[in-house]
C-alpha atoms as a PDB file:
ATOM      1  CA  MET A   1      44.078  19.213  13.735  1.00  0.00           C
ATOM      2  CA  ARG A   2      42.364  21.593  11.689  1.00  0.00           C
ATOM      3  CA  THR A   3      44.144  25.020  10.644  1.00  0.00           C
ATOM      4  CA  THR A   4      42.272  27.995   9.629  1.00  0.00           C
ATOM      5  CA  VAL A   5      43.951  30.529   7.271  1.00  0.00           C
ATOM      6  CA  LEU A   6      42.344  34.107   7.538  1.00  0.00           C
ATOM      7  CA  ALA A   7      42.773  36.883   5.123  1.00  0.00           C
ATOM      8  CA  THR A   8      45.344  39.250   5.688  1.00  0.00           C
ATOM      9  CA  LEU A   9      43.323  42.147   6.590  1.00  0.00           C
ATOM     10  CA  VAL A  10      42.240  40.454   9.648  1.00  0.00           C
ATOM     11  CA  THR A  11      45.297  38.942  10.965  1.00  0.00           C
ATOM     12  CA  SER A  12      46.265  41.769  13.111  1.00  0.00           C
ATOM     13  CA  ALA A  13      43.039  41.515  15.098  1.00  0.00           C
ATOM     14  CA  LEU A  14      44.025  37.596  15.810  1.00  0.00           C
ATOM     15  CA  PHE A  15      46.914  38.635  18.005  1.00  0.00           C
ATOM     16  CA  ALA A  16      44.629  39.355  20.931  1.00  0.00           C
ATOM     17  CA  ILE A  17      42.485  36.099  20.724  1.00  0.00           C
ATOM     18  CA  PRO A  18      45.040  33.499  22.160  1.00  0.00           C
ATOM     19  CA  THR A  19      44.916  35.431  25.529  1.00  0.00           C
ATOM     20  CA  LEU A  20      41.107  35.483  25.638  1.00  0.00           C
ATOM     21  CA  ALA A  21      40.903  31.772  24.670  1.00  0.00           C
ATOM     22  CA  ALA A  22      43.556  30.801  27.161  1.00  0.00           C
ATOM     23  CA  ASP A  23      41.495  32.438  29.974  1.00  0.00           C
ATOM     24  CA  ALA A  24      38.400  30.907  28.882  1.00  0.00           C
ATOM     25  CA  PRO A  25      37.037  28.127  31.409  1.00  0.00           C
ATOM     26  CA  ALA A  26      37.004  24.614  30.396  1.00  0.00           C
ATOM     27  CA  PRO A  27      33.579  23.184  29.815  1.00  0.00           C
ATOM     28  CA  GLU A  28      32.166  21.797  33.106  1.00  0.00           C
ATOM     29  CA  TYR A  29      31.115  18.714  31.088  1.00  0.00           C
ATOM     30  CA  THR A  30      31.159  17.114  27.777  1.00  0.00           C
ATOM     31  CA  PHE A  31      28.968  14.603  25.866  1.00  0.00           C
ATOM     32  CA  SER A  32      30.274  12.524  23.028  1.00  0.00           C
ATOM     33  CA  GLY A  33      29.055   9.546  20.739  1.00  0.00           C
ATOM     34  CA  ASN A  34      30.774   6.931  18.859  1.00  0.00           C
ATOM     35  CA  VAL A  35      29.785   4.222  15.957  1.00  0.00           C
ATOM     36  CA  ALA A  36      32.216   1.283  14.918  1.00  0.00           C
ATOM     37  CA  VAL A  37      31.755  -1.450  12.694  1.00  0.00           C
ATOM     38  CA  THR A  38      34.190  -4.402  12.980  1.00  0.00           C
ATOM     39  CA  SER A  39      34.421  -7.827  11.112  1.00  0.00           C
ATOM     40  CA  ASP A  40      34.310  -9.718  14.550  1.00  0.00           C
ATOM     41  CA  TYR A  41      33.492  -8.508  17.836  1.00  0.00           C
ATOM     42  CA  VAL A  42      36.040 -10.001  20.214  1.00  0.00           C
ATOM     43  CA  PHE A  43      35.753  -9.669  23.984  1.00  0.00           C
ATOM     44  CA  ARG A  44      38.391 -10.741  26.419  1.00  0.00           C
ATOM     45  CA  GLY A  45      39.952 -12.863  23.564  1.00  0.00           C
ATOM     46  CA  ILE A  46      36.397 -14.727  22.875  1.00  0.00           C
ATOM     47  CA  THR A  47      34.285 -14.078  19.509  1.00  0.00           C
ATOM     48  CA  GLN A  48      30.583 -12.541  20.362  1.00  0.00           C
ATOM     49  CA  THR A  49      29.489 -13.054  16.992  1.00  0.00           C
ATOM     50  CA  ASN A  50      30.616 -16.561  15.684  1.00  0.00           C
ATOM     51  CA  HIS A  51      33.377 -14.747  13.940  1.00  0.00           C
ATOM     52  CA  HIS A  52      31.096 -12.397  11.793  1.00  0.00           C
ATOM     53  CA  ALA A  53      30.716  -8.994  11.483  1.00  0.00           C
ATOM     54  CA  ALA A  54      29.004  -6.455  14.311  1.00  0.00           C
ATOM     55  CA  ILE A  55      27.634  -2.844  14.328  1.00  0.00           C
ATOM     56  CA  GLN A  56      28.520  -0.878  17.705  1.00  0.00           C
ATOM     57  CA  GLY A  57      28.048   2.407  19.070  1.00  0.00           C
ATOM     58  CA  GLY A  58      27.741   4.394  22.391  1.00  0.00           C
ATOM     59  CA  LEU A  59      27.219   7.756  24.342  1.00  0.00           C
ATOM     60  CA  ASP A  60      29.479   9.270  26.953  1.00  0.00           C
ATOM     61  CA  TYR A  61      29.342  12.036  29.586  1.00  0.00           C
ATOM     62  CA  ALA A  62      32.203  13.208  31.281  1.00  0.00           C
ATOM     63  CA  HIS A  63      32.347  15.930  34.256  1.00  0.00           C
ATOM     64  CA  GLN A  64      35.341  18.141  34.892  1.00  0.00           C
ATOM     65  CA  SER A  65      35.373  16.732  38.571  1.00  0.00           C
ATOM     66  CA  GLY A  66      36.437  13.232  37.209  1.00  0.00           C
ATOM     67  CA  PHE A  67      32.871  11.694  37.126  1.00  0.00           C
ATOM     68  CA  TYR A  68      31.924   9.919  33.837  1.00  0.00           C
ATOM     69  CA  ALA A  69      29.081   7.584  32.713  1.00  0.00           C
ATOM     70  CA  GLY A  70      28.015   6.098  29.807  1.00  0.00           C
ATOM     71  CA  LEU A  71      25.954   3.712  27.475  1.00  0.00           C
ATOM     72  CA  TRP A  72      27.550   1.193  24.862  1.00  0.00           C
ATOM     73  CA  GLY A  73      25.764  -1.350  22.519  1.00  0.00           C
ATOM     74  CA  SER A  74      26.764  -4.040  20.074  1.00  0.00           C
ATOM     75  CA  SER A  75      25.001  -6.683  17.960  1.00  0.00           C
ATOM     76  CA  ILE A  76      26.101 -10.000  19.281  1.00  0.00           C
ATOM     77  CA  SER A  77      25.236 -13.810  18.526  1.00  0.00           C
ATOM     78  CA  TRP A  78      27.054 -15.844  21.302  1.00  0.00           C
ATOM     79  CA  LEU A  79      23.980 -16.579  23.518  1.00  0.00           C
ATOM     80  CA  ALA A  80      21.953 -17.822  20.279  1.00  0.00           C
ATOM     81  CA  ASP A  81      24.714 -19.757  19.236  1.00  0.00           C
ATOM     82  CA  GLN A  82      25.044 -21.611  22.427  1.00  0.00           C
ATOM     83  CA  GLY A  83      21.167 -22.316  22.282  1.00  0.00           C
ATOM     84  CA  SER A  84      20.654 -20.055  25.219  1.00  0.00           C
ATOM     85  CA  GLY A  85      17.659 -18.007  23.442  1.00  0.00           C
ATOM     86  CA  SER A  86      17.344 -15.009  21.452  1.00  0.00           C
ATOM     87  CA  TYR A  87      19.522 -12.231  22.363  1.00  0.00           C
ATOM     88  CA  PRO A  88      20.725 -10.145  19.511  1.00  0.00           C
ATOM     89  CA  THR A  89      22.123  -7.217  21.502  1.00  0.00           C
ATOM     90  CA  GLU A  90      24.707  -6.387  24.132  1.00  0.00           C
ATOM     91  CA  VAL A  91      24.033  -3.200  26.293  1.00  0.00           C
ATOM     92  CA  ASP A  92      26.628  -1.867  28.641  1.00  0.00           C
ATOM     93  CA  VAL A  93      25.914   0.642  31.121  1.00  0.00           C
ATOM     94  CA  TYR A  94      28.741   2.269  33.356  1.00  0.00           C
ATOM     95  CA  GLY A  95      29.963   5.015  35.514  1.00  0.00           C
ATOM     96  CA  GLY A  96      32.865   5.700  37.674  1.00  0.00           C
ATOM     97  CA  TYR A  97      35.573   8.363  38.585  1.00  0.00           C
ATOM     98  CA  LYS A  98      39.028   9.097  37.267  1.00  0.00           C
ATOM     99  CA  GLY A  99      41.572  11.097  38.890  1.00  0.00           C
ATOM    100  CA  SER A 100      45.512  11.622  39.350  1.00  0.00           C
ATOM    101  CA  ILE A 101      47.361  10.229  42.186  1.00  0.00           C
ATOM    102  CA  VAL A 102      50.712  11.833  41.154  1.00  0.00           C
ATOM    103  CA  ASP A 103      51.589  13.714  37.843  1.00  0.00           C
ATOM    104  CA  GLY A 104      51.487  11.162  35.161  1.00  0.00           C
ATOM    105  CA  VAL A 105      49.915   8.386  37.271  1.00  0.00           C
ATOM    106  CA  GLY A 106      46.087   8.237  36.951  1.00  0.00           C
ATOM    107  CA  TYR A 107      43.401   5.874  38.280  1.00  0.00           C
ATOM    108  CA  ASP A 108      40.149   5.007  37.444  1.00  0.00           C
ATOM    109  CA  VAL A 109      37.374   3.133  39.615  1.00  0.00           C
ATOM    110  CA  GLY A 110      33.859   2.219  38.595  1.00  0.00           C
ATOM    111  CA  VAL A 111      30.956  -0.267  37.898  1.00  0.00           C
ATOM    112  CA  LEU A 112      29.722  -1.644  34.555  1.00  0.00           C
ATOM    113  CA  SER A 113      26.808  -3.695  33.940  1.00  0.00           C
ATOM    114  CA  TYR A 114      26.446  -5.980  31.035  1.00  0.00           C
ATOM    115  CA  TYR A 115      22.682  -6.550  29.757  1.00  0.00           C
ATOM    116  CA  TYR A 116      21.483  -8.860  27.139  1.00  0.00           C
ATOM    117  CA  PRO A 117      17.503  -8.058  26.255  1.00  0.00           C
ATOM    118  CA  GLY A 118      16.017 -10.937  24.673  1.00  0.00           C
ATOM    119  CA  THR A 119      14.285 -14.333  25.432  1.00  0.00           C
ATOM    120  CA  ARG A 120      15.774 -16.965  27.601  1.00  0.00           C
ATOM    121  CA  ASN A 121      15.204 -20.595  26.941  1.00  0.00           C
ATOM    122  CA  PRO A 122      13.819 -22.865  29.949  1.00  0.00           C
ATOM    123  CA  GLY A 123      16.562 -23.637  32.322  1.00  0.00           C
ATOM    124  CA  VAL A 124      18.864 -20.965  30.956  1.00  0.00           C
ATOM    125  CA  SER A 125      20.462 -18.832  33.592  1.00  0.00           C
ATOM    126  CA  SER A 126      20.510 -15.011  33.084  1.00  0.00           C
ATOM    127  CA  PRO A 127      23.716 -13.875  31.498  1.00  0.00           C
ATOM    128  CA  ASN A 128      23.503 -10.350  32.796  1.00  0.00           C
ATOM    129  CA  THR A 129      26.656  -9.338  34.892  1.00  0.00           C
ATOM    130  CA  THR A 130      27.901  -6.495  36.852  1.00  0.00           C
ATOM    131  CA  GLU A 131      31.519  -5.910  37.631  1.00  0.00           C
ATOM    132  CA  LEU A 132      33.483  -3.463  39.857  1.00  0.00           C
ATOM    133  CA  TYR A 133      36.654  -2.281  38.614  1.00  0.00           C
ATOM    134  CA  ALA A 134      39.849  -0.251  39.479  1.00  0.00           C
ATOM    135  CA  GLY A 135      42.725   0.600  37.377  1.00  0.00           C
ATOM    136  CA  LEU A 136      45.892   2.421  36.997  1.00  0.00           C
ATOM    137  CA  SER A 137      47.605   4.175  34.077  1.00  0.00           C
ATOM    138  CA  TYR A 138      51.162   5.618  33.293  1.00  0.00           C
ATOM    139  CA  GLN A 139      51.646   7.438  30.134  1.00  0.00           C
ATOM    140  CA  TRP A 140      50.665   4.564  27.335  1.00  0.00           C
ATOM    141  CA  ALA A 141      50.503   1.848  30.041  1.00  0.00           C
ATOM    142  CA  SER A 142      47.537   0.666  32.023  1.00  0.00           C
ATOM    143  CA  PHE A 143      46.321  -2.165  34.366  1.00  0.00           C
ATOM    144  CA  LYS A 144      42.853  -2.820  35.058  1.00  0.00           C
ATOM    145  CA  TYR A 145      41.136  -5.243  37.346  1.00  0.00           C
ATOM    146  CA  SER A 146      37.528  -6.322  37.375  1.00  0.00           C
ATOM    147  CA  ARG A 147      35.423  -8.528  39.563  1.00  0.00           C
ATOM    148  CA  SER A 148      32.156  -9.804  39.063  1.00  0.00           C
ATOM    149  CA  THR A 149      29.431  -9.102  41.858  1.00  0.00           C
ATOM    150  CA  GLY A 150      27.209 -12.202  40.664  1.00  0.00           C
ATOM    151  CA  ASN A 151      27.229 -14.934  37.991  1.00  0.00           C
ATOM    152  CA  LEU A 152      29.530 -14.259  35.461  1.00  0.00           C
ATOM    153  CA  PHE A 153      27.703 -14.172  31.912  1.00  0.00           C
ATOM    154  CA  GLY A 154      25.439 -17.245  33.193  1.00  0.00           C
ATOM    155  CA  TRP A 155      28.310 -19.189  33.910  1.00  0.00           C
ATOM    156  CA  ALA A 156      27.339 -22.031  36.867  1.00  0.00           C
ATOM    157  CA  GLY A 157      30.262 -23.355  38.658  1.00  0.00           C
ATOM    158  CA  SER A 158      30.671 -27.056  39.427  1.00  0.00           C
ATOM    159  CA  ASN A 159      27.617 -28.738  41.346  1.00  0.00           C
ATOM    160  CA  GLY A 160      25.847 -25.459  40.193  1.00  0.00           C
ATOM    161  CA  ALA A 161      28.072 -23.001  42.347  1.00  0.00           C
ATOM    162  CA  ASN A 162      27.579 -19.601  41.850  1.00  0.00           C
ATOM    163  CA  THR A 163      30.478 -17.738  40.056  1.00  0.00           C
ATOM    164  CA  HIS A 164      30.287 -14.473  41.450  1.00  0.00           C
ATOM    165  CA  GLY A 165      33.706 -13.111  42.500  1.00  0.00           C
ATOM    166  CA  SER A 166      35.082 -14.180  38.991  1.00  0.00           C
ATOM    167  CA  SER A 167      37.954 -11.865  37.961  1.00  0.00           C
ATOM    168  CA  TYR A 168      39.447 -10.386  34.852  1.00  0.00           C
ATOM    169  CA  TYR A 169      43.009  -8.787  34.640  1.00  0.00           C
ATOM    170  CA  ASP A 170      43.812  -6.438  31.918  1.00  0.00           C
ATOM    171  CA  LEU A 171      47.372  -5.209  30.944  1.00  0.00           C
ATOM    172  CA  THR A 172      47.232  -3.040  27.863  1.00  0.00           C
ATOM    173  CA  LEU A 173      50.381  -0.936  26.167  1.00  0.00           C
ATOM    174  CA  ALA A 174      49.422   1.660  23.538  1.00  0.00           C
ATOM    175  CA  PRO A 175      52.383   3.733  22.620  1.00  0.00           C
ATOM    176  CA  THR A 176      52.405   5.965  19.680  1.00  0.00           C
ATOM    177  CA  ILE A 177      54.902   4.744  16.894  1.00  0.00           C
ATOM    178  CA  ALA A 178      54.654   7.169  14.504  1.00  0.00           C
ATOM    179  CA  GLU A 179      52.344  10.404  13.624  1.00  0.00           C
ATOM    180  CA  ASP A 180      48.551   9.021  13.670  1.00  0.00           C
ATOM    181  CA  TRP A 181      49.666   5.326  14.446  1.00  0.00           C
ATOM    182  CA  THR A 182      49.206   3.654  17.759  1.00  0.00           C
ATOM    183  CA  LEU A 183      50.424  -0.065  18.542  1.00  0.00           C
ATOM    184  CA  GLN A 184      48.043  -2.039  21.054  1.00  0.00           C
ATOM    185  CA  ALA A 185      49.642  -4.696  23.056  1.00  0.00           C
ATOM    186  CA  HIS A 186      47.317  -6.635  25.466  1.00  0.00           C
ATOM    187  CA  LEU A 187      47.564  -9.491  27.862  1.00  0.00           C
ATOM    188  CA  GLY A 188      44.634 -10.719  29.897  1.00  0.00           C
ATOM    189  CA  ARG A 189      43.473 -13.233  32.377  1.00  0.00           C
ATOM    190  CA  GLN A 190      39.851 -14.418  33.109  1.00  0.00           C
ATOM    191  CA  THR A 191      39.170 -16.602  36.014  1.00  0.00           C
ATOM    192  CA  VAL A 192      35.799 -18.009  36.509  1.00  0.00           C
ATOM    193  CA  ALA A 193      35.086 -19.019  39.995  1.00  0.00           C
ATOM    194  CA  HIS A 194      34.346 -22.389  40.779  1.00  0.00           C
ATOM    195  CA  ARG A 195      34.688 -23.411  37.116  1.00  0.00           C
ATOM    196  CA  LYS A 196      38.403 -23.757  36.482  1.00  0.00           C
ATOM    197  CA  SER A 197      37.798 -25.261  32.919  1.00  0.00           C
ATOM    198  CA  ALA A 198      36.442 -21.906  31.918  1.00  0.00           C
ATOM    199  CA  SER A 199      39.387 -19.747  33.028  1.00  0.00           C
ATOM    200  CA  TYR A 200      41.907 -18.764  30.526  1.00  0.00           C
ATOM    201  CA  THR A 201      44.358 -16.311  29.044  1.00  0.00           C
ATOM    202  CA  ASP A 202      43.922 -14.139  26.112  1.00  0.00           C
ATOM    203  CA  TRP A 203      46.564 -11.841  24.228  1.00  0.00           C
ATOM    204  CA  ARG A 204      46.112  -9.263  21.403  1.00  0.00           C
ATOM    205  CA  LEU A 205      48.606  -7.413  19.189  1.00  0.00           C
ATOM    206  CA  GLY A 206      47.219  -4.704  16.989  1.00  0.00           C
ATOM    207  CA  VAL A 207      47.668  -1.333  15.306  1.00  0.00           C
ATOM    208  CA  SER A 208      45.542   1.503  14.782  1.00  0.00           C
ATOM    209  CA  LYS A 209      45.720   4.757  12.809  1.00  0.00           C
ATOM    210  CA  ASP A 210      43.570   7.959  12.581  1.00  0.00           C
ATOM    211  CA  VAL A 211      42.706   8.186   8.898  1.00  0.00           C
ATOM    212  CA  GLY A 212      41.028  11.715   9.549  1.00  0.00           C
ATOM    213  CA  PHE A 213      37.515  10.805   8.972  1.00  0.00           C
ATOM    214  CA  GLY A 214      37.792   8.094  11.818  1.00  0.00           C
ATOM    215  CA  THR A 215      40.233   5.280  13.170  1.00  0.00           C
ATOM    216  CA  LEU A 216      41.041   2.175  11.206  1.00  0.00           C
ATOM    217  CA  SER A 217      42.214  -0.959  13.599  1.00  0.00           C
ATOM    218  CA  LEU A 218      43.647  -4.131  12.715  1.00  0.00           C
ATOM    219  CA  SER A 219      44.174  -6.720  15.422  1.00  0.00           C
ATOM    220  CA  TYR A 220      45.379 -10.214  15.938  1.00  0.00           C
ATOM    221  CA  THR A 221      43.784 -12.371  18.946  1.00  0.00           C
ATOM    222  CA  ASP A 222      44.495 -15.693  20.449  1.00  0.00           C
ATOM    223  CA  THR A 223      43.642 -17.460  24.021  1.00  0.00           C
ATOM    224  CA  ASN A 224      44.243 -20.671  25.637  1.00  0.00           C
ATOM    225  CA  ALA A 225      40.600 -21.086  26.116  1.00  0.00           C
ATOM    226  CA  GLU A 226      39.097 -24.639  25.652  1.00  0.00           C
ATOM    227  CA  GLY A 227      37.009 -24.710  22.617  1.00  0.00           C
ATOM    228  CA  ASP A 228      37.491 -28.549  21.467  1.00  0.00           C
ATOM    229  CA  VAL A 229      34.377 -30.759  21.015  1.00  0.00           C
ATOM    230  CA  GLY A 230      32.467 -30.826  24.683  1.00  0.00           C
ATOM    231  CA  GLN A 231      34.494 -27.926  26.190  1.00  0.00           C
ATOM    232  CA  ASP A 232      33.408 -24.858  27.633  1.00  0.00           C
ATOM    233  CA  TYR A 233      34.191 -22.334  24.580  1.00  0.00           C
ATOM    234  CA  ARG A 234      32.617 -24.755  21.858  1.00  0.00           C
ATOM    235  CA  ASN A 235      29.398 -23.393  20.497  1.00  0.00           C
ATOM    236  CA  ALA A 236      26.383 -25.075  18.836  1.00  0.00           C
ATOM    237  CA  PHE A 237      27.937 -24.364  15.402  1.00  0.00           C
ATOM    238  CA  GLY A 238      30.855 -26.561  16.352  1.00  0.00           C
ATOM    239  CA  LYS A 239      33.309 -23.311  16.343  1.00  0.00           C
ATOM    240  CA  ASP A 240      35.838 -22.878  18.660  1.00  0.00           C
ATOM    241  CA  MET A 241      34.965 -19.260  20.054  1.00  0.00           C
ATOM    242  CA  GLY A 242      38.279 -18.395  21.411  1.00  0.00           C
ATOM    243  CA  LYS A 243      40.701 -19.568  18.748  1.00  0.00           C
ATOM    244  CA  GLN A 244      43.282 -17.062  17.035  1.00  0.00           C
ATOM    245  CA  GLN A 245      41.351 -14.332  14.802  1.00  0.00           C
ATOM    246  CA  VAL A 246      42.139 -11.300  12.750  1.00  0.00           C
ATOM    247  CA  ALA A 247      39.673  -8.340  13.253  1.00  0.00           C
ATOM    248  CA  VAL A 248      39.484  -5.131  11.026  1.00  0.00           C
ATOM    249  CA  THR A 249      37.453  -2.367  12.932  1.00  0.00           C
ATOM    250  CA  PHE A 250      36.423   1.219  11.721  1.00  0.00           C
ATOM    251  CA  SER A 251      35.489   3.422  14.559  1.00  0.00           C
ATOM    252  CA  LYS A 252      34.422   7.414  14.760  1.00  0.00           C
ATOM    253  CA  THR A 253      33.888   9.456  17.503  1.00  0.00           C
ATOM    254  CA  LEU A 254      30.943  11.924  17.142  1.00  0.00           C
END
């Protein structure tokens, strides 16, 4: 919060300003941006960068009616790490509507598409994925359910079955524990339709602090995803993509 100190000679003129400001209408819509750098881009408990750093950023539009839309991107390596082709970037496009059911209880519904521009190797399925989602929130607690409308991130089920209808359950708690400090606790469950071996549970515990010129976050993540030799979450470099990991992230809203 910024505080402005004015000279004494204009102090008396300010007594009328709060009334005028309070009567000013809220903006019909807002645009905002965000940038971040992280030591490891972890999505649903799985590293997207082979435990290396990533650069990220996005743009958001929000209308006073509750409608919103946005675009977000990050550097990645997980597709190349699995030998699927050249995919250096993830681009997410999303839109939805937020509202309130009763005082303090909010809802959020929308659609999110993950795009991976690049070159696929022969015989590799497209990793592009679209999910529909619905969520509820109360104070610092939220629950969100996401369901894929097609194959999930290129996964194929047993005997080549389509993995549409794969689901992700996200329970997140983010209470403020001190001035400018927020605790983050998360439990998630990814189910992959027709591929039981790829389904797993992830959990995360972290803390973030507003440092004035941005937000600094520290998080610990772990999963029970199967990442041993020959299993689903083992990449071509012999790394377990879902093993326990600690990530440090600096982000800033523009």
